[in-house]
Amino acid sequence: MKKTLISTLYFFYAINLFAQANLTQEEKEDGVINYSNIKNVLKSDGLEKQVEAKKEYIKTIKKEKSVLNKGRYDIPSEEDFWAMMTRYWLVKNAQLLRWDFPKPDYGIGPAFRTLLEKFGYFNEHFKILIINSPNISHFGFPGEKEESIFILSLPFMRGLDLTKVDISLLLFEDFLRLREGYFKKNLGLKLDWIGGNFYGKSFEKKNLTSLMEKFDSVVFKKGFNFQQQFEVTKKMDALLKSEPHIWSSYFKLFNRTRDI
């Protein structure tokens, strides 16, 4: 029994020696490494700082990603909102307004700009959309910041045989109405949600529905009240008096179009 035990111990000792003999240098060194010193080595090599810097970088990325994700739910600010809504309304009513048709350049834009600059309105941004429909004679909508969007009826221009000066004067009225904010006022809606954010909650679609209905009401039905028109006419009178021939054209035009 004793002899067997000795033989067994010798066998395991021999195996251990054999195993030690077949270890790689790295494995032998691994056996004597003091892992408690690793942290100190990392510190001395600056690796710990790199790890911490990487952690901070990842935190920053996550934070920026969260901000970007939340930003996807932003409602456009006042500067962009009205241009988007006006264009949306125009597209929505494309069939009724019939603005998508071949047309020449009538030269109305340069004529209107000349009139604006004559009375001190320089560097104004505007777009004029000619429509082939009698449903609206002319109208001004808010666009981007300091921008106006006008629609002008071709049948209306032809029916009254309007000159470029006449047309420019009508657009000037629309321009002044926009400057006074009458269009937005006449919508009669509380629009404090513009520029907000609906992250984490559903967007109130009824806000847009109500807004488009009010656009329709102001453009096709309600228009502008007597006091608003009076203020615009008074402003036009004060501005145009410095140019008697334009002033005369305006009041002739006013009498021809006042019931339209």
Protein backbone atom coordinates (compact mmCIF):
# COMPACT_ATOMS: atom_id res chain seq x y z
CA MET A 1 0.00 0.00 0.00
CA LYS A 2 2.81 2.36 0.96
CA LYS A 3 4.67 1.44 -2.18
CA THR A 4 1.59 2.18 -4.30
CA LEU A 5 1.14 5.60 -2.67
CA ILE A 6 4.77 6.54 -3.32
CA SER A 7 4.42 5.44 -6.94
CA THR A 8 1.29 7.57 -7.33
CA LEU A 9 2.96 10.63 -5.84
CA TYR A 10 5.95 10.15 -8.06
CA PHE A 11 3.63 9.85 -11.07
CA PHE A 12 1.93 13.14 -10.34
CA TYR A 13 5.27 14.83 -9.63
CA ALA A 14 6.56 13.64 -12.99
CA ILE A 15 3.45 14.93 -14.74
CA ASN A 16 3.90 18.31 -13.07
CA LEU A 17 7.52 18.49 -14.19
CA PHE A 18 6.44 17.58 -17.70
CA ALA A 19 3.76 20.22 -17.68
CA GLN A 20 6.19 22.86 -16.41
CA ALA A 21 8.60 21.89 -19.13
CA ASN A 22 5.94 22.44 -21.81
CA LEU A 23 4.71 25.86 -20.59
CA THR A 24 5.48 28.88 -22.74
CA GLN A 25 7.58 31.66 -21.29
CA GLU A 26 4.47 33.87 -21.07
CA GLU A 27 2.58 31.18 -19.15
CA LYS A 28 5.48 30.76 -16.72
CA GLU A 29 5.62 34.54 -16.19
CA ASP A 30 1.86 34.59 -15.74
CA GLY A 31 2.23 32.31 -12.78
CA VAL A 32 4.35 34.78 -10.92
CA ILE A 33 2.52 37.99 -11.93
CA ASN A 34 1.19 40.01 -9.04
CA TYR A 35 -2.16 41.22 -10.35
CA SER A 36 -2.53 43.65 -7.52
CA ASN A 37 0.18 45.73 -9.19
CA ILE A 38 -1.72 46.02 -12.50
CA LYS A 39 -3.66 49.09 -11.40
CA ASN A 40 -0.44 50.86 -10.48
CA VAL A 41 1.06 49.93 -13.87
CA LEU A 42 -2.00 51.28 -15.69
CA LYS A 43 -1.67 54.51 -13.77
CA SER A 44 2.03 54.87 -14.52
CA ASP A 45 1.43 54.25 -18.25
CA GLY A 46 -1.48 56.69 -18.41
CA LEU A 47 -3.83 53.96 -19.58
CA GLU A 48 -6.30 54.57 -16.78
CA LYS A 49 -6.71 58.18 -17.96
CA GLN A 50 -7.36 56.92 -21.49
CA VAL A 51 -10.07 54.59 -20.19
CA GLU A 52 -11.71 57.41 -18.24
CA ALA A 53 -11.48 59.73 -21.25
CA LYS A 54 -13.14 57.11 -23.40
CA LYS A 55 -15.94 56.73 -20.84
CA GLU A 56 -16.51 60.50 -20.87
CA TYR A 57 -16.49 60.51 -24.68
CA ILE A 58 -19.16 57.79 -24.75
CA LYS A 59 -21.26 59.77 -22.24
CA THR A 60 -21.00 62.83 -24.48
CA ILE A 61 -22.04 60.84 -27.55
CA LYS A 62 -25.05 59.40 -25.71
CA LYS A 63 -26.06 62.87 -24.54
CA GLU A 64 -25.75 64.36 -28.02
CA LYS A 65 -27.67 61.44 -29.49
CA SER A 66 -30.45 62.03 -26.98
CA VAL A 67 -30.58 65.75 -27.89
CA LEU A 68 -30.72 64.94 -31.62
CA ASN A 69 -33.44 62.38 -31.07
CA LYS A 70 -35.51 64.84 -29.05
CA GLY A 71 -34.92 67.48 -31.73
CA ARG A 72 -36.73 65.30 -34.26
CA TYR A 73 -39.93 66.25 -32.44
CA ASP A 74 -39.40 70.01 -32.63
CA ILE A 75 -42.21 72.08 -34.11
CA PRO A 76 -40.72 74.72 -36.48
CA SER A 77 -40.06 78.12 -34.97
CA GLU A 78 -42.01 81.24 -35.93
CA GLU A 79 -39.42 82.07 -38.60
CA ASP A 80 -39.98 78.81 -40.52
CA PHE A 81 -43.49 77.84 -39.51
CA TRP A 82 -45.52 80.26 -41.64
CA ALA A 83 -43.62 79.54 -44.84
CA MET A 84 -44.27 75.82 -44.36
CA MET A 85 -47.97 76.32 -43.62
CA THR A 86 -48.50 78.69 -46.55
CA ARG A 87 -46.84 76.25 -48.96
CA TYR A 88 -48.80 73.37 -47.46
CA TRP A 89 -52.05 75.31 -47.99
CA LEU A 90 -51.09 76.10 -51.60
CA VAL A 91 -50.35 72.45 -52.36
CA LYS A 92 -53.50 71.34 -50.55
CA ASN A 93 -55.57 73.70 -52.75
CA ALA A 94 -53.63 73.18 -55.97
CA GLN A 95 -56.64 71.84 -57.86
CA LEU A 96 -58.82 74.78 -56.88
CA LEU A 97 -56.17 77.45 -57.42
CA ARG A 98 -54.71 75.94 -60.60
CA TRP A 99 -51.24 77.41 -60.18
CA ASP A 100 -49.44 74.57 -61.93
CA PHE A 101 -49.76 75.62 -65.57
CA PRO A 102 -47.35 76.92 -68.25
CA LYS A 103 -47.02 80.70 -68.14
CA PRO A 104 -44.61 83.32 -69.39
CA ASP A 105 -42.73 85.74 -67.20
CA TYR A 106 -45.09 88.69 -66.94
CA GLY A 107 -42.42 90.92 -65.43
CA ILE A 108 -44.56 91.61 -62.37
CA GLY A 109 -41.78 90.83 -59.89
CA PRO A 110 -39.37 93.55 -61.08
CA ALA A 111 -42.22 96.08 -61.37
CA PHE A 112 -43.35 95.38 -57.81
CA ARG A 113 -39.80 95.59 -56.46
CA THR A 114 -39.37 98.96 -58.17
CA LEU A 115 -42.53 100.23 -56.47
CA LEU A 116 -41.41 98.92 -53.05
CA GLU A 117 -38.01 100.57 -53.33
CA LYS A 118 -39.55 103.83 -54.54
CA PHE A 119 -41.30 104.07 -51.16
CA GLY A 120 -38.39 102.94 -49.03
CA TYR A 121 -38.84 99.17 -48.79
CA PHE A 122 -35.47 97.78 -49.84
CA ASN A 123 -34.19 94.19 -49.83
CA GLU A 124 -37.65 92.74 -49.37
CA HIS A 125 -38.05 89.02 -50.07
CA PHE A 126 -41.17 87.94 -51.88
CA LYS A 127 -42.58 85.35 -54.25
CA ILE A 128 -45.48 85.87 -56.65
CA LEU A 129 -47.53 82.87 -57.74
CA ILE A 130 -49.81 83.37 -60.74
CA ILE A 131 -52.96 81.24 -60.53
CA ASN A 132 -55.32 80.41 -63.39
CA SER A 133 -58.43 80.69 -61.25
CA PRO A 134 -61.05 83.40 -60.60
CA ASN A 135 -61.66 82.13 -57.02
CA ILE A 136 -59.16 84.63 -55.56
CA SER A 137 -58.18 87.93 -57.16
CA HIS A 138 -54.98 88.50 -55.14
CA PHE A 139 -53.79 87.70 -51.65
CA GLY A 140 -50.69 87.94 -49.47
CA PHE A 141 -49.44 85.18 -47.15
CA PRO A 142 -46.64 85.15 -44.59
CA GLY A 143 -43.51 83.30 -45.64
CA GLU A 144 -40.14 82.89 -44.00
CA LYS A 145 -38.66 85.67 -41.89
CA GLU A 146 -39.11 88.96 -43.77
CA GLU A 147 -40.67 87.11 -46.73
CA SER A 148 -44.08 87.56 -48.37
CA ILE A 149 -45.85 85.10 -50.67
CA PHE A 150 -48.45 86.53 -53.05
CA ILE A 151 -50.99 84.82 -55.27
CA LEU A 152 -52.40 86.69 -58.22
CA SER A 153 -55.24 85.62 -60.50
CA LEU A 154 -54.57 85.65 -64.24
CA PRO A 155 -58.31 85.88 -65.14
CA PHE A 156 -58.60 88.81 -62.70
CA MET A 157 -55.67 90.67 -64.32
CA ARG A 158 -56.97 90.06 -67.82
CA GLY A 159 -60.60 90.84 -66.95
CA LEU A 160 -59.75 94.30 -65.65
CA ASP A 161 -56.92 94.83 -68.14
CA LEU A 162 -54.55 95.79 -65.33
CA THR A 163 -51.18 97.38 -66.00
CA LYS A 164 -48.01 96.42 -64.12
CA VAL A 165 -48.38 99.55 -62.01
CA ASP A 166 -51.96 98.59 -61.13
CA ILE A 167 -50.93 95.07 -60.17
CA SER A 168 -47.97 96.35 -58.15
CA LEU A 169 -50.30 98.66 -56.20
CA LEU A 170 -52.64 95.78 -55.33
CA LEU A 171 -49.67 93.72 -54.17
CA PHE A 172 -48.47 96.73 -52.17
CA GLU A 173 -51.77 96.69 -50.29
CA ASP A 174 -51.34 92.97 -49.58
CA PHE A 175 -47.78 93.68 -48.45
CA LEU A 176 -48.93 96.32 -45.95
CA ARG A 177 -51.62 93.99 -44.58
CA LEU A 178 -48.93 91.42 -43.88
CA ARG A 179 -46.75 94.06 -42.26
CA GLU A 180 -49.62 94.92 -39.93
CA GLY A 181 -50.10 91.22 -39.11
CA TYR A 182 -53.77 91.23 -40.14
CA PHE A 183 -53.69 87.78 -41.69
CA LYS A 184 -52.39 86.11 -38.52
CA LYS A 185 -54.76 88.13 -36.34
CA ASN A 186 -57.77 87.16 -38.43
CA LEU A 187 -57.03 83.46 -38.03
CA GLY A 188 -58.27 83.84 -34.46
CA LEU A 189 -56.29 80.90 -33.13
CA LYS A 190 -54.10 80.44 -30.08
CA LEU A 191 -50.79 79.39 -31.59
CA ASP A 192 -48.56 79.12 -28.54
CA TRP A 193 -47.59 75.58 -29.63
CA ILE A 194 -45.45 76.97 -32.49
CA GLY A 195 -41.78 76.36 -31.74
CA GLY A 196 -42.59 73.74 -29.10
CA ASN A 197 -41.62 70.08 -28.85
CA PHE A 198 -43.82 67.00 -28.59
CA TYR A 199 -41.17 64.46 -27.55
CA GLY A 200 -42.71 61.74 -25.42
CA LYS A 201 -46.28 62.67 -26.35
CA SER A 202 -48.49 62.51 -29.42
CA PHE A 203 -48.74 65.51 -31.72
CA GLU A 204 -52.12 67.24 -31.72
CA LYS A 205 -53.10 66.88 -35.38
CA LYS A 206 -56.19 68.96 -34.74
CA ASN A 207 -53.90 72.00 -34.45
CA LEU A 208 -52.97 71.76 -38.13
CA THR A 209 -56.50 70.86 -39.16
CA SER A 210 -57.90 73.92 -37.39
CA LEU A 211 -55.19 76.12 -38.86
CA MET A 212 -55.92 75.01 -42.44
CA GLU A 213 -59.64 75.58 -41.89
CA LYS A 214 -58.89 79.12 -40.70
CA PHE A 215 -56.69 79.71 -43.75
CA ASP A 216 -59.66 78.76 -45.93
CA SER A 217 -62.00 81.00 -43.95
CA VAL A 218 -59.80 84.10 -44.15
CA VAL A 219 -58.91 83.64 -47.83
CA PHE A 220 -62.25 82.54 -49.26
CA LYS A 221 -64.82 84.03 -46.88
CA LYS A 222 -63.87 86.45 -44.13
CA GLY A 223 -61.02 88.42 -45.63
CA PHE A 224 -60.26 91.69 -43.84
CA ASN A 225 -62.66 93.91 -41.94
CA PHE A 226 -63.54 97.52 -42.71
CA GLN A 227 -61.19 98.98 -40.09
CA GLN A 228 -58.24 96.99 -41.40
CA GLN A 229 -58.94 98.04 -44.98
CA PHE A 230 -59.34 101.65 -43.86
CA GLU A 231 -55.93 101.58 -42.13
CA VAL A 232 -54.27 100.12 -45.23
CA THR A 233 -55.91 102.68 -47.54
CA LYS A 234 -54.84 105.50 -45.20
CA LYS A 235 -51.26 104.20 -45.20
CA MET A 236 -51.27 103.90 -49.00
CA ASP A 237 -52.59 107.45 -49.31
CA ALA A 238 -49.83 108.80 -47.07
CA LEU A 239 -47.11 106.94 -48.97
CA LEU A 240 -48.30 107.63 -52.51
CA LYS A 241 -48.87 111.37 -52.14
CA SER A 242 -45.20 111.95 -52.87
CA GLU A 243 -45.79 110.48 -56.34
CA PRO A 244 -48.99 112.15 -57.69
CA HIS A 245 -49.24 110.04 -60.87
CA ILE A 246 -49.04 106.79 -58.85
CA TRP A 247 -51.45 108.21 -56.27
CA SER A 248 -53.93 108.97 -59.07
CA SER A 249 -53.55 105.44 -60.49
CA TYR A 250 -54.19 103.95 -57.08
CA PHE A 251 -57.50 105.74 -56.48
CA LYS A 252 -58.74 104.97 -59.96
CA LEU A 253 -57.84 101.34 -59.28
CA PHE A 254 -59.43 101.47 -55.83
CA ASN A 255 -62.78 102.51 -57.33
CA ARG A 256 -62.59 99.70 -59.92
CA THR A 257 -61.72 96.93 -57.47
CA ARG A 258 -63.32 97.90 -54.15
CA ASP A 259 -66.18 95.44 -54.58
CA ILE A 260 -63.94 92.52 -55.60
